[in-house]
Amino acid sequence: MHLDSWDDLRFVLAVHEEGTLTAAASALGVDQTTVTRRLRTCEEQAGRKLFHRLRGGAELTPAGEAYARAAAAIRDQLFALEREVSAERQELGPVRLTISNTLAALWLDELVGFAKGREGLRLELIVDDSIRNLSRSEADVAVRWVEQPPEHLVGRKIGRMAHALYGAPELLNLSLSDLPWIGWEPDLKDSALERARRQYSPTQPFSLYANSLLILLEAARRGHTAITLSCAVGDADPGLVRLTRPVLSEKPLWLLTHPDLRQSPSVRVVMDFIASLVANDAMKLTGQP
């Protein structure tokens, strides 16, 4: 017996990749009961057990692994077809741009004006600091601050971006070793904020964590914490001063896409626009006066 469709296989693949029924349900945009029911249907159609249910997770059986490999291959083919069709489309259409919180805030006015001024273009901002999977069409264009981007993506260096440590003016009266700290999510053990705390104030623990950049910024303005920010954002904030000179770090800024999309008119126009923003703000981005 066999599974009837891609719609069946995607449930097997989601549980395999996410590791738990709860995470798979979140990734698929359904509830956990639906995932459980669909997996049961998949196993009935396959005529064999596909998963072992474990505490807190699920483990594929050999048959389940075979179906998951097949599902991954089908998904990759579907996404490749989607990218090919998108690249051949000559009129402007939707583009998913993944960009960091700080750069999205810095260029918000320009991005709004750009999207309004291009007939047919619909710009979808995905604001986070991870490299979205461009192979799976989670995004079309990525702007990322990294030394070296993933090999499967194409693009170019468009500039450099510097970060520094910022805080309220009264923190200038403290030594760096005595700075107060609020953490950025306890699970992010290697965040820029955590690295800065270890470097400058290793004896000062995080007494509080937050998962909101808005809250961390407000806490920094009120003198409750030091915070790592791009110089373009930190230097422009009237409530903050730079606590470290020279800057903490400076890395290349990359503009990336999937190879299948680099000839897409929509992708090209967005990438050219982002490159122009970086060129105009080169001094701000590197923390120069």
C-alpha atoms as a PDB file:
ATOM      1  CA  MET A   1       0.000   0.000   0.000  1.00  0.00           C
ATOM      2  CA  HIS A   2       1.094   3.602  -0.419  1.00  0.00           C
ATOM      3  CA  LEU A   3       0.372   7.153   0.628  1.00  0.00           C
ATOM      4  CA  ASP A   4      -2.067   8.847  -1.719  1.00  0.00           C
ATOM      5  CA  SER A   5      -0.628  12.332  -2.134  1.00  0.00           C
ATOM      6  CA  TRP A   6       1.906  15.002  -1.240  1.00  0.00           C
ATOM      7  CA  ASP A   7      -0.653  16.262   1.264  1.00  0.00           C
ATOM      8  CA  ASP A   8      -0.154  13.014   3.194  1.00  0.00           C
ATOM      9  CA  LEU A   9       3.628  13.012   2.895  1.00  0.00           C
ATOM     10  CA  ARG A  10       4.041  16.537   4.205  1.00  0.00           C
ATOM     11  CA  PHE A  11       2.771  15.425   7.613  1.00  0.00           C
ATOM     12  CA  VAL A  12       5.368  12.660   7.770  1.00  0.00           C
ATOM     13  CA  LEU A  13       8.085  15.097   6.740  1.00  0.00           C
ATOM     14  CA  ALA A  14       7.019  17.776   9.212  1.00  0.00           C
ATOM     15  CA  VAL A  15       7.175  15.433  12.192  1.00  0.00           C
ATOM     16  CA  HIS A  16      10.527  14.106  11.011  1.00  0.00           C
ATOM     17  CA  GLU A  17      12.044  17.591  10.662  1.00  0.00           C
ATOM     18  CA  GLU A  18      10.451  19.236  13.692  1.00  0.00           C
ATOM     19  CA  GLY A  19      10.930  16.305  16.065  1.00  0.00           C
ATOM     20  CA  THR A  20       7.667  16.639  17.997  1.00  0.00           C
ATOM     21  CA  LEU A  21       3.978  16.586  17.135  1.00  0.00           C
ATOM     22  CA  THR A  22       3.527  20.013  18.697  1.00  0.00           C
ATOM     23  CA  ALA A  23       6.312  21.584  16.637  1.00  0.00           C
ATOM     24  CA  ALA A  24       5.065  19.891  13.465  1.00  0.00           C
ATOM     25  CA  ALA A  25       1.560  21.253  14.075  1.00  0.00           C
ATOM     26  CA  SER A  26       2.974  24.765  14.496  1.00  0.00           C
ATOM     27  CA  ALA A  27       5.046  24.476  11.296  1.00  0.00           C
ATOM     28  CA  LEU A  28       2.022  23.240   9.317  1.00  0.00           C
ATOM     29  CA  GLY A  29      -0.397  25.755  10.809  1.00  0.00           C
ATOM     30  CA  VAL A  30      -2.748  23.117  12.221  1.00  0.00           C
ATOM     31  CA  ASP A  31      -3.495  21.762  15.677  1.00  0.00           C
ATOM     32  CA  GLN A  32      -1.782  18.721  17.199  1.00  0.00           C
ATOM     33  CA  THR A  33      -4.941  16.633  16.979  1.00  0.00           C
ATOM     34  CA  THR A  34      -4.928  17.082  13.201  1.00  0.00           C
ATOM     35  CA  VAL A  35      -1.300  15.964  12.987  1.00  0.00           C
ATOM     36  CA  THR A  36      -2.007  12.862  15.080  1.00  0.00           C
ATOM     37  CA  ARG A  37      -5.047  11.987  12.993  1.00  0.00           C
ATOM     38  CA  ARG A  38      -3.246  12.490   9.681  1.00  0.00           C
ATOM     39  CA  LEU A  39      -0.274  10.407  10.819  1.00  0.00           C
ATOM     40  CA  ARG A  40      -2.606   7.609  11.782  1.00  0.00           C
ATOM     41  CA  THR A  41      -4.181   7.808   8.314  1.00  0.00           C
ATOM     42  CA  CYS A  42      -0.716   7.780   6.714  1.00  0.00           C
ATOM     43  CA  GLU A  43       0.245   4.625   8.588  1.00  0.00           C
ATOM     44  CA  GLU A  44      -3.036   2.941   7.596  1.00  0.00           C
ATOM     45  CA  GLN A  45      -2.413   3.792   3.936  1.00  0.00           C
ATOM     46  CA  ALA A  46       1.216   2.675   4.105  1.00  0.00           C
ATOM     47  CA  GLY A  47       0.273  -0.540   5.892  1.00  0.00           C
ATOM     48  CA  ARG A  48       3.199  -0.178   8.294  1.00  0.00           C
ATOM     49  CA  LYS A  49       4.346   1.791  11.306  1.00  0.00           C
ATOM     50  CA  LEU A  50       6.120   5.020  10.400  1.00  0.00           C
ATOM     51  CA  PHE A  51       6.882   6.473  13.844  1.00  0.00           C
ATOM     52  CA  HIS A  52       7.690   5.446  17.364  1.00  0.00           C
ATOM     53  CA  ARG A  53       6.055   7.832  19.805  1.00  0.00           C
ATOM     54  CA  LEU A  54       8.543   8.911  22.463  1.00  0.00           C
ATOM     55  CA  ARG A  55       8.245  11.140  25.490  1.00  0.00           C
ATOM     56  CA  GLY A  56       8.524  14.672  24.125  1.00  0.00           C
ATOM     57  CA  GLY A  57       9.074  13.607  20.539  1.00  0.00           C
ATOM     58  CA  ALA A  58       8.765  11.068  17.749  1.00  0.00           C
ATOM     59  CA  GLU A  59      11.287   8.788  16.040  1.00  0.00           C
ATOM     60  CA  LEU A  60      11.035   7.494  12.489  1.00  0.00           C
ATOM     61  CA  THR A  61      10.981   3.796  11.768  1.00  0.00           C
ATOM     62  CA  PRO A  62      13.034   2.627   8.735  1.00  0.00           C
ATOM     63  CA  ALA A  63       9.848   2.790   6.668  1.00  0.00           C
ATOM     64  CA  GLY A  64       9.161   6.282   7.981  1.00  0.00           C
ATOM     65  CA  GLU A  65      12.654   7.392   6.989  1.00  0.00           C
ATOM     66  CA  ALA A  66      12.087   6.145   3.454  1.00  0.00           C
ATOM     67  CA  TYR A  67       8.828   8.095   3.205  1.00  0.00           C
ATOM     68  CA  ALA A  68      10.471  11.198   4.693  1.00  0.00           C
ATOM     69  CA  ARG A  69      13.262  11.060   2.078  1.00  0.00           C
ATOM     70  CA  ALA A  70      10.675  10.773  -0.669  1.00  0.00           C
ATOM     71  CA  ALA A  71       8.698  13.663   0.805  1.00  0.00           C
ATOM     72  CA  ALA A  72      11.810  15.878   0.991  1.00  0.00           C
ATOM     73  CA  ALA A  73      12.609  15.135  -2.664  1.00  0.00           C
ATOM     74  CA  ILE A  74       9.062  15.997  -3.761  1.00  0.00           C
ATOM     75  CA  ARG A  75       9.099  19.210  -1.732  1.00  0.00           C
ATOM     76  CA  ASP A  76      12.418  20.281  -3.235  1.00  0.00           C
ATOM     77  CA  GLN A  77      11.067  19.637  -6.737  1.00  0.00           C
ATOM     78  CA  LEU A  78       7.940  21.682  -6.009  1.00  0.00           C
ATOM     79  CA  PHE A  79       9.965  24.584  -4.657  1.00  0.00           C
ATOM     80  CA  ALA A  80      12.348  24.412  -7.628  1.00  0.00           C
ATOM     81  CA  LEU A  81       9.364  24.607  -9.973  1.00  0.00           C
ATOM     82  CA  GLU A  82       7.962  27.532  -8.009  1.00  0.00           C
ATOM     83  CA  ARG A  83      11.280  29.392  -8.244  1.00  0.00           C
ATOM     84  CA  GLU A  84      11.530  28.682 -11.990  1.00  0.00           C
ATOM     85  CA  VAL A  85       8.056  30.039 -12.637  1.00  0.00           C
ATOM     86  CA  SER A  86       8.782  33.077 -10.465  1.00  0.00           C
ATOM     87  CA  ALA A  87      12.053  33.796 -12.267  1.00  0.00           C
ATOM     88  CA  GLU A  88      10.348  33.646 -15.687  1.00  0.00           C
ATOM     89  CA  ARG A  89       7.618  36.069 -14.687  1.00  0.00           C
ATOM     90  CA  GLN A  90       8.482  39.418 -16.273  1.00  0.00           C
ATOM     91  CA  GLU A  91       6.032  41.632 -14.417  1.00  0.00           C
ATOM     92  CA  LEU A  92       6.743  42.634 -10.834  1.00  0.00           C
ATOM     93  CA  GLY A  93       5.135  40.530  -8.122  1.00  0.00           C
ATOM     94  CA  PRO A  94       5.574  39.554  -4.465  1.00  0.00           C
ATOM     95  CA  VAL A  95       9.058  39.376  -2.935  1.00  0.00           C
ATOM     96  CA  ARG A  96       9.730  38.044   0.569  1.00  0.00           C
ATOM     97  CA  LEU A  97      12.620  39.991   2.084  1.00  0.00           C
ATOM     98  CA  THR A  98      14.155  38.715   5.312  1.00  0.00           C
ATOM     99  CA  ILE A  99      16.012  41.429   7.185  1.00  0.00           C
ATOM    100  CA  SER A 100      17.146  42.137  10.745  1.00  0.00           C
ATOM    101  CA  ASN A 101      15.121  44.187  13.209  1.00  0.00           C
ATOM    102  CA  THR A 102      17.672  46.982  13.232  1.00  0.00           C
ATOM    103  CA  LEU A 103      17.939  47.342   9.454  1.00  0.00           C
ATOM    104  CA  ALA A 104      14.160  47.143   9.026  1.00  0.00           C
ATOM    105  CA  ALA A 105      13.800  49.995  11.531  1.00  0.00           C
ATOM    106  CA  LEU A 106      16.598  52.017   9.923  1.00  0.00           C
ATOM    107  CA  TRP A 107      15.101  51.778   6.427  1.00  0.00           C
ATOM    108  CA  LEU A 108      11.404  51.642   7.256  1.00  0.00           C
ATOM    109  CA  ASP A 109      10.495  54.901   5.489  1.00  0.00           C
ATOM    110  CA  GLU A 110      12.518  53.979   2.398  1.00  0.00           C
ATOM    111  CA  LEU A 111      11.042  50.466   2.221  1.00  0.00           C
ATOM    112  CA  VAL A 112       7.487  51.793   2.475  1.00  0.00           C
ATOM    113  CA  GLY A 113       8.117  54.375  -0.243  1.00  0.00           C
ATOM    114  CA  PHE A 114       9.838  51.828  -2.475  1.00  0.00           C
ATOM    115  CA  ALA A 115       6.984  49.318  -2.236  1.00  0.00           C
ATOM    116  CA  LYS A 116       4.356  51.976  -2.952  1.00  0.00           C
ATOM    117  CA  GLY A 117       6.284  53.331  -5.909  1.00  0.00           C
ATOM    118  CA  ARG A 118       6.564  50.075  -7.900  1.00  0.00           C
ATOM    119  CA  GLU A 119       3.382  48.989  -9.648  1.00  0.00           C
ATOM    120  CA  GLY A 120       2.739  45.290  -9.154  1.00  0.00           C
ATOM    121  CA  LEU A 121       5.426  44.843  -6.494  1.00  0.00           C
ATOM    122  CA  ARG A 122       4.354  43.513  -3.110  1.00  0.00           C
ATOM    123  CA  LEU A 123       7.172  43.539  -0.568  1.00  0.00           C
ATOM    124  CA  GLU A 124       6.744  41.103   2.326  1.00  0.00           C
ATOM    125  CA  LEU A 125       9.106  41.830   5.227  1.00  0.00           C
ATOM    126  CA  ILE A 126      10.194  38.858   7.343  1.00  0.00           C
ATOM    127  CA  VAL A 127      11.928  40.576  10.246  1.00  0.00           C
ATOM    128  CA  ASP A 128      14.320  38.275  12.068  1.00  0.00           C
ATOM    129  CA  ASP A 129      18.035  37.614  12.421  1.00  0.00           C
ATOM    130  CA  SER A 130      18.232  34.055  11.127  1.00  0.00           C
ATOM    131  CA  ILE A 131      18.995  33.025   7.570  1.00  0.00           C
ATOM    132  CA  ARG A 132      15.655  31.813   6.298  1.00  0.00           C
ATOM    133  CA  ASN A 133      15.726  28.791   4.075  1.00  0.00           C
ATOM    134  CA  LEU A 134      15.694  30.329   0.610  1.00  0.00           C
ATOM    135  CA  SER A 135      15.696  26.831  -0.897  1.00  0.00           C
ATOM    136  CA  ARG A 136      12.297  26.173   0.665  1.00  0.00           C
ATOM    137  CA  SER A 137      10.835  29.506  -0.377  1.00  0.00           C
ATOM    138  CA  GLU A 138      10.633  30.811   3.180  1.00  0.00           C
ATOM    139  CA  ALA A 139      12.106  34.017   1.736  1.00  0.00           C
ATOM    140  CA  ASP A 140      13.320  35.263  -1.650  1.00  0.00           C
ATOM    141  CA  VAL A 141      15.966  37.783  -0.640  1.00  0.00           C
ATOM    142  CA  ALA A 142      18.038  37.922   2.549  1.00  0.00           C
ATOM    143  CA  VAL A 143      20.138  40.768   3.973  1.00  0.00           C
ATOM    144  CA  ARG A 144      22.569  39.281   6.458  1.00  0.00           C
ATOM    145  CA  TRP A 145      25.554  40.368   8.562  1.00  0.00           C
ATOM    146  CA  VAL A 146      27.878  37.343   8.376  1.00  0.00           C
ATOM    147  CA  GLU A 147      31.492  36.580   7.551  1.00  0.00           C
ATOM    148  CA  GLN A 148      30.550  33.928   4.998  1.00  0.00           C
ATOM    149  CA  PRO A 149      27.046  33.080   3.744  1.00  0.00           C
ATOM    150  CA  PRO A 150      25.817  29.532   3.011  1.00  0.00           C
ATOM    151  CA  GLU A 151      27.351  28.072  -0.131  1.00  0.00           C
ATOM    152  CA  HIS A 152      24.011  27.230  -1.740  1.00  0.00           C
ATOM    153  CA  LEU A 153      23.035  30.918  -1.967  1.00  0.00           C
ATOM    154  CA  VAL A 154      24.237  33.551  -4.421  1.00  0.00           C
ATOM    155  CA  GLY A 155      24.679  37.256  -3.955  1.00  0.00           C
ATOM    156  CA  ARG A 156      27.268  39.833  -3.144  1.00  0.00           C
ATOM    157  CA  LYS A 157      28.858  41.819  -0.381  1.00  0.00           C
ATOM    158  CA  ILE A 158      27.215  45.208  -0.345  1.00  0.00           C
ATOM    159  CA  GLY A 159      29.069  46.845   2.528  1.00  0.00           C
ATOM    160  CA  ARG A 160      30.089  46.402   6.122  1.00  0.00           C
ATOM    161  CA  MET A 161      28.124  46.737   9.331  1.00  0.00           C
ATOM    162  CA  ALA A 162      29.498  47.576  12.764  1.00  0.00           C
ATOM    163  CA  HIS A 163      28.057  46.972  16.216  1.00  0.00           C
ATOM    164  CA  ALA A 164      28.857  48.601  19.544  1.00  0.00           C
ATOM    165  CA  LEU A 165      27.688  48.520  23.138  1.00  0.00           C
ATOM    166  CA  TYR A 166      25.137  51.200  24.068  1.00  0.00           C
ATOM    167  CA  GLY A 167      23.381  52.371  27.196  1.00  0.00           C
ATOM    168  CA  ALA A 168      21.864  55.370  28.972  1.00  0.00           C
ATOM    169  CA  PRO A 169      24.245  58.315  29.538  1.00  0.00           C
ATOM    170  CA  GLU A 170      24.505  57.571  33.275  1.00  0.00           C
ATOM    171  CA  LEU A 171      26.163  54.243  32.501  1.00  0.00           C
ATOM    172  CA  LEU A 172      29.249  56.181  31.389  1.00  0.00           C
ATOM    173  CA  ASN A 173      29.918  56.665  35.109  1.00  0.00           C
ATOM    174  CA  LEU A 174      30.343  52.894  35.555  1.00  0.00           C
ATOM    175  CA  SER A 175      33.235  50.709  34.540  1.00  0.00           C
ATOM    176  CA  LEU A 176      32.374  48.182  31.853  1.00  0.00           C
ATOM    177  CA  SER A 177      32.797  45.382  34.398  1.00  0.00           C
ATOM    178  CA  ASP A 178      29.957  46.849  36.515  1.00  0.00           C
ATOM    179  CA  LEU A 179      27.370  47.340  33.786  1.00  0.00           C
ATOM    180  CA  PRO A 180      23.819  46.047  34.412  1.00  0.00           C
ATOM    181  CA  TRP A 181      22.454  43.440  32.011  1.00  0.00           C
ATOM    182  CA  ILE A 182      19.114  42.147  30.786  1.00  0.00           C
ATOM    183  CA  GLY A 183      19.414  39.092  28.534  1.00  0.00           C
ATOM    184  CA  TRP A 184      17.974  38.322  25.118  1.00  0.00           C
ATOM    185  CA  GLU A 185      16.083  35.024  25.626  1.00  0.00           C
ATOM    186  CA  PRO A 186      17.734  32.427  27.912  1.00  0.00           C
ATOM    187  CA  ASP A 187      18.030  29.836  25.114  1.00  0.00           C
ATOM    188  CA  LEU A 188      20.277  32.092  22.992  1.00  0.00           C
ATOM    189  CA  LYS A 189      23.547  31.170  24.681  1.00  0.00           C
ATOM    190  CA  ASP A 190      25.699  32.704  21.950  1.00  0.00           C
ATOM    191  CA  SER A 191      23.800  35.907  21.221  1.00  0.00           C
ATOM    192  CA  ALA A 192      25.784  39.103  20.632  1.00  0.00           C
ATOM    193  CA  LEU A 193      24.456  40.399  23.945  1.00  0.00           C
ATOM    194  CA  GLU A 194      25.660  37.303  25.809  1.00  0.00           C
ATOM    195  CA  ARG A 195      29.094  37.511  24.192  1.00  0.00           C
ATOM    196  CA  ALA A 196      29.391  41.181  25.174  1.00  0.00           C
ATOM    197  CA  ARG A 197      28.420  40.426  28.771  1.00  0.00           C
ATOM    198  CA  ARG A 198      31.016  37.654  28.971  1.00  0.00           C
ATOM    199  CA  GLN A 199      33.660  39.952  27.519  1.00  0.00           C
ATOM    200  CA  TYR A 200      33.066  43.057  29.615  1.00  0.00           C
ATOM    201  CA  SER A 201      31.136  42.021  32.732  1.00  0.00           C
ATOM    202  CA  PRO A 202      31.681  38.290  33.320  1.00  0.00           C
ATOM    203  CA  THR A 203      30.782  38.561  37.017  1.00  0.00           C
ATOM    204  CA  GLN A 204      27.483  40.339  36.330  1.00  0.00           C
ATOM    205  CA  PRO A 205      24.813  37.712  35.531  1.00  0.00           C
ATOM    206  CA  PHE A 206      21.600  38.275  33.632  1.00  0.00           C
ATOM    207  CA  SER A 207      18.917  38.793  36.283  1.00  0.00           C
ATOM    208  CA  LEU A 208      16.129  39.145  33.744  1.00  0.00           C
ATOM    209  CA  TYR A 209      15.522  37.995  30.173  1.00  0.00           C
ATOM    210  CA  ALA A 210      13.271  39.375  27.442  1.00  0.00           C
ATOM    211  CA  ASN A 211      12.433  38.191  23.945  1.00  0.00           C
ATOM    212  CA  SER A 212      11.461  41.656  22.696  1.00  0.00           C
ATOM    213  CA  LEU A 213      13.890  44.098  21.116  1.00  0.00           C
ATOM    214  CA  LEU A 214      11.426  46.881  21.958  1.00  0.00           C
ATOM    215  CA  ILE A 215      11.628  46.027  25.673  1.00  0.00           C
ATOM    216  CA  LEU A 216      15.424  45.715  25.625  1.00  0.00           C
ATOM    217  CA  LEU A 217      15.737  49.111  23.928  1.00  0.00           C
ATOM    218  CA  GLU A 218      13.454  50.760  26.454  1.00  0.00           C
ATOM    219  CA  ALA A 219      15.324  49.095  29.332  1.00  0.00           C
ATOM    220  CA  ALA A 220      18.605  50.392  27.896  1.00  0.00           C
ATOM    221  CA  ARG A 221      17.222  53.946  27.621  1.00  0.00           C
ATOM    222  CA  ARG A 222      16.169  53.772  31.287  1.00  0.00           C
ATOM    223  CA  GLY A 223      19.613  52.639  32.433  1.00  0.00           C
ATOM    224  CA  HIS A 224      18.638  49.053  33.295  1.00  0.00           C
ATOM    225  CA  THR A 225      20.959  47.333  30.830  1.00  0.00           C
ATOM    226  CA  ALA A 226      23.687  47.715  28.260  1.00  0.00           C
ATOM    227  CA  ILE A 227      22.703  46.554  24.789  1.00  0.00           C
ATOM    228  CA  THR A 228      24.502  45.618  21.583  1.00  0.00           C
ATOM    229  CA  LEU A 229      23.189  47.487  18.558  1.00  0.00           C
ATOM    230  CA  SER A 230      24.250  48.268  15.041  1.00  0.00           C
ATOM    231  CA  CYS A 231      25.955  51.662  15.059  1.00  0.00           C
ATOM    232  CA  ALA A 232      23.461  52.970  12.504  1.00  0.00           C
ATOM    233  CA  VAL A 233      20.630  52.427  15.012  1.00  0.00           C
ATOM    234  CA  GLY A 234      22.434  53.070  18.303  1.00  0.00           C
ATOM    235  CA  ASP A 235      24.091  56.310  17.244  1.00  0.00           C
ATOM    236  CA  ALA A 236      20.746  57.678  16.021  1.00  0.00           C
ATOM    237  CA  ASP A 237      18.918  56.993  19.307  1.00  0.00           C
ATOM    238  CA  PRO A 238      18.853  60.185  21.427  1.00  0.00           C
ATOM    239  CA  GLY A 239      18.424  58.187  24.630  1.00  0.00           C
ATOM    240  CA  LEU A 240      21.586  56.115  24.157  1.00  0.00           C
ATOM    241  CA  VAL A 241      25.332  56.697  24.082  1.00  0.00           C
ATOM    242  CA  ARG A 242      28.068  54.450  22.798  1.00  0.00           C
ATOM    243  CA  LEU A 243      29.835  52.682  25.675  1.00  0.00           C
ATOM    244  CA  THR A 244      32.584  50.994  23.642  1.00  0.00           C
ATOM    245  CA  ARG A 245      35.053  52.653  21.310  1.00  0.00           C
ATOM    246  CA  PRO A 246      36.110  51.367  18.887  1.00  0.00           C
ATOM    247  CA  VAL A 247      33.124  49.288  17.846  1.00  0.00           C
ATOM    248  CA  LEU A 248      32.643  45.755  19.164  1.00  0.00           C
ATOM    249  CA  SER A 249      32.734  44.094  15.757  1.00  0.00           C
ATOM    250  CA  GLU A 250      32.450  44.732  12.072  1.00  0.00           C
ATOM    251  CA  LYS A 251      31.443  42.146   9.477  1.00  0.00           C
ATOM    252  CA  PRO A 252      30.442  42.093   5.810  1.00  0.00           C
ATOM    253  CA  LEU A 253      26.833  42.768   4.916  1.00  0.00           C
ATOM    254  CA  TRP A 254      25.552  40.308   2.301  1.00  0.00           C
ATOM    255  CA  LEU A 255      22.630  40.466  -0.096  1.00  0.00           C
ATOM    256  CA  LEU A 256      21.558  36.906  -0.918  1.00  0.00           C
ATOM    257  CA  THR A 257      19.049  34.932  -2.965  1.00  0.00           C
ATOM    258  CA  HIS A 258      18.607  31.458  -4.405  1.00  0.00           C
ATOM    259  CA  PRO A 259      20.399  30.832  -7.746  1.00  0.00           C
ATOM    260  CA  ASP A 260      17.072  30.084  -9.458  1.00  0.00           C
ATOM    261  CA  LEU A 261      15.739  33.538  -8.543  1.00  0.00           C
ATOM    262  CA  ARG A 262      18.630  35.816  -9.452  1.00  0.00           C
ATOM    263  CA  GLN A 263      17.143  36.612 -12.892  1.00  0.00           C
ATOM    264  CA  SER A 264      13.667  37.342 -11.518  1.00  0.00           C
ATOM    265  CA  PRO A 265      12.775  40.999 -12.292  1.00  0.00           C
ATOM    266  CA  SER A 266      11.131  41.389  -8.878  1.00  0.00           C
ATOM    267  CA  VAL A 267      14.128  39.981  -7.036  1.00  0.00           C
ATOM    268  CA  ARG A 268      16.581  42.059  -9.070  1.00  0.00           C
ATOM    269  CA  VAL A 269      14.759  45.330  -8.424  1.00  0.00           C
ATOM    270  CA  VAL A 270      14.588  44.630  -4.677  1.00  0.00           C
ATOM    271  CA  MET A 271      18.257  43.638  -4.466  1.00  0.00           C
ATOM    272  CA  ASP A 272      19.344  46.733  -6.396  1.00  0.00           C
ATOM    273  CA  PHE A 273      17.304  48.931  -4.084  1.00  0.00           C
ATOM    274  CA  ILE A 274      18.754  47.380  -0.923  1.00  0.00           C
ATOM    275  CA  ALA A 275      22.269  47.782  -2.327  1.00  0.00           C
ATOM    276  CA  SER A 276      21.577  51.481  -2.918  1.00  0.00           C
ATOM    277  CA  LEU A 277      20.401  51.908   0.694  1.00  0.00           C
ATOM    278  CA  VAL A 278      23.617  50.352   1.983  1.00  0.00           C
ATOM    279  CA  ALA A 279      25.736  52.583  -0.267  1.00  0.00           C
ATOM    280  CA  ASN A 280      23.913  55.705   0.946  1.00  0.00           C
ATOM    281  CA  ASP A 281      24.276  54.729   4.613  1.00  0.00           C
ATOM    282  CA  ALA A 282      27.822  53.329   4.442  1.00  0.00           C
ATOM    283  CA  MET A 283      29.215  55.710   7.096  1.00  0.00           C
ATOM    284  CA  LYS A 284      26.288  55.157   9.463  1.00  0.00           C
ATOM    285  CA  LEU A 285      26.561  51.375   9.116  1.00  0.00           C
ATOM    286  CA  THR A 286      30.259  51.354  10.023  1.00  0.00           C
ATOM    287  CA  GLY A 287      29.854  53.747  12.950  1.00  0.00           C
ATOM    288  CA  GLN A 288      31.775  56.637  11.441  1.00  0.00           C
ATOM    289  CA  PRO A 289      30.920  60.187  12.538  1.00  0.00           C
END
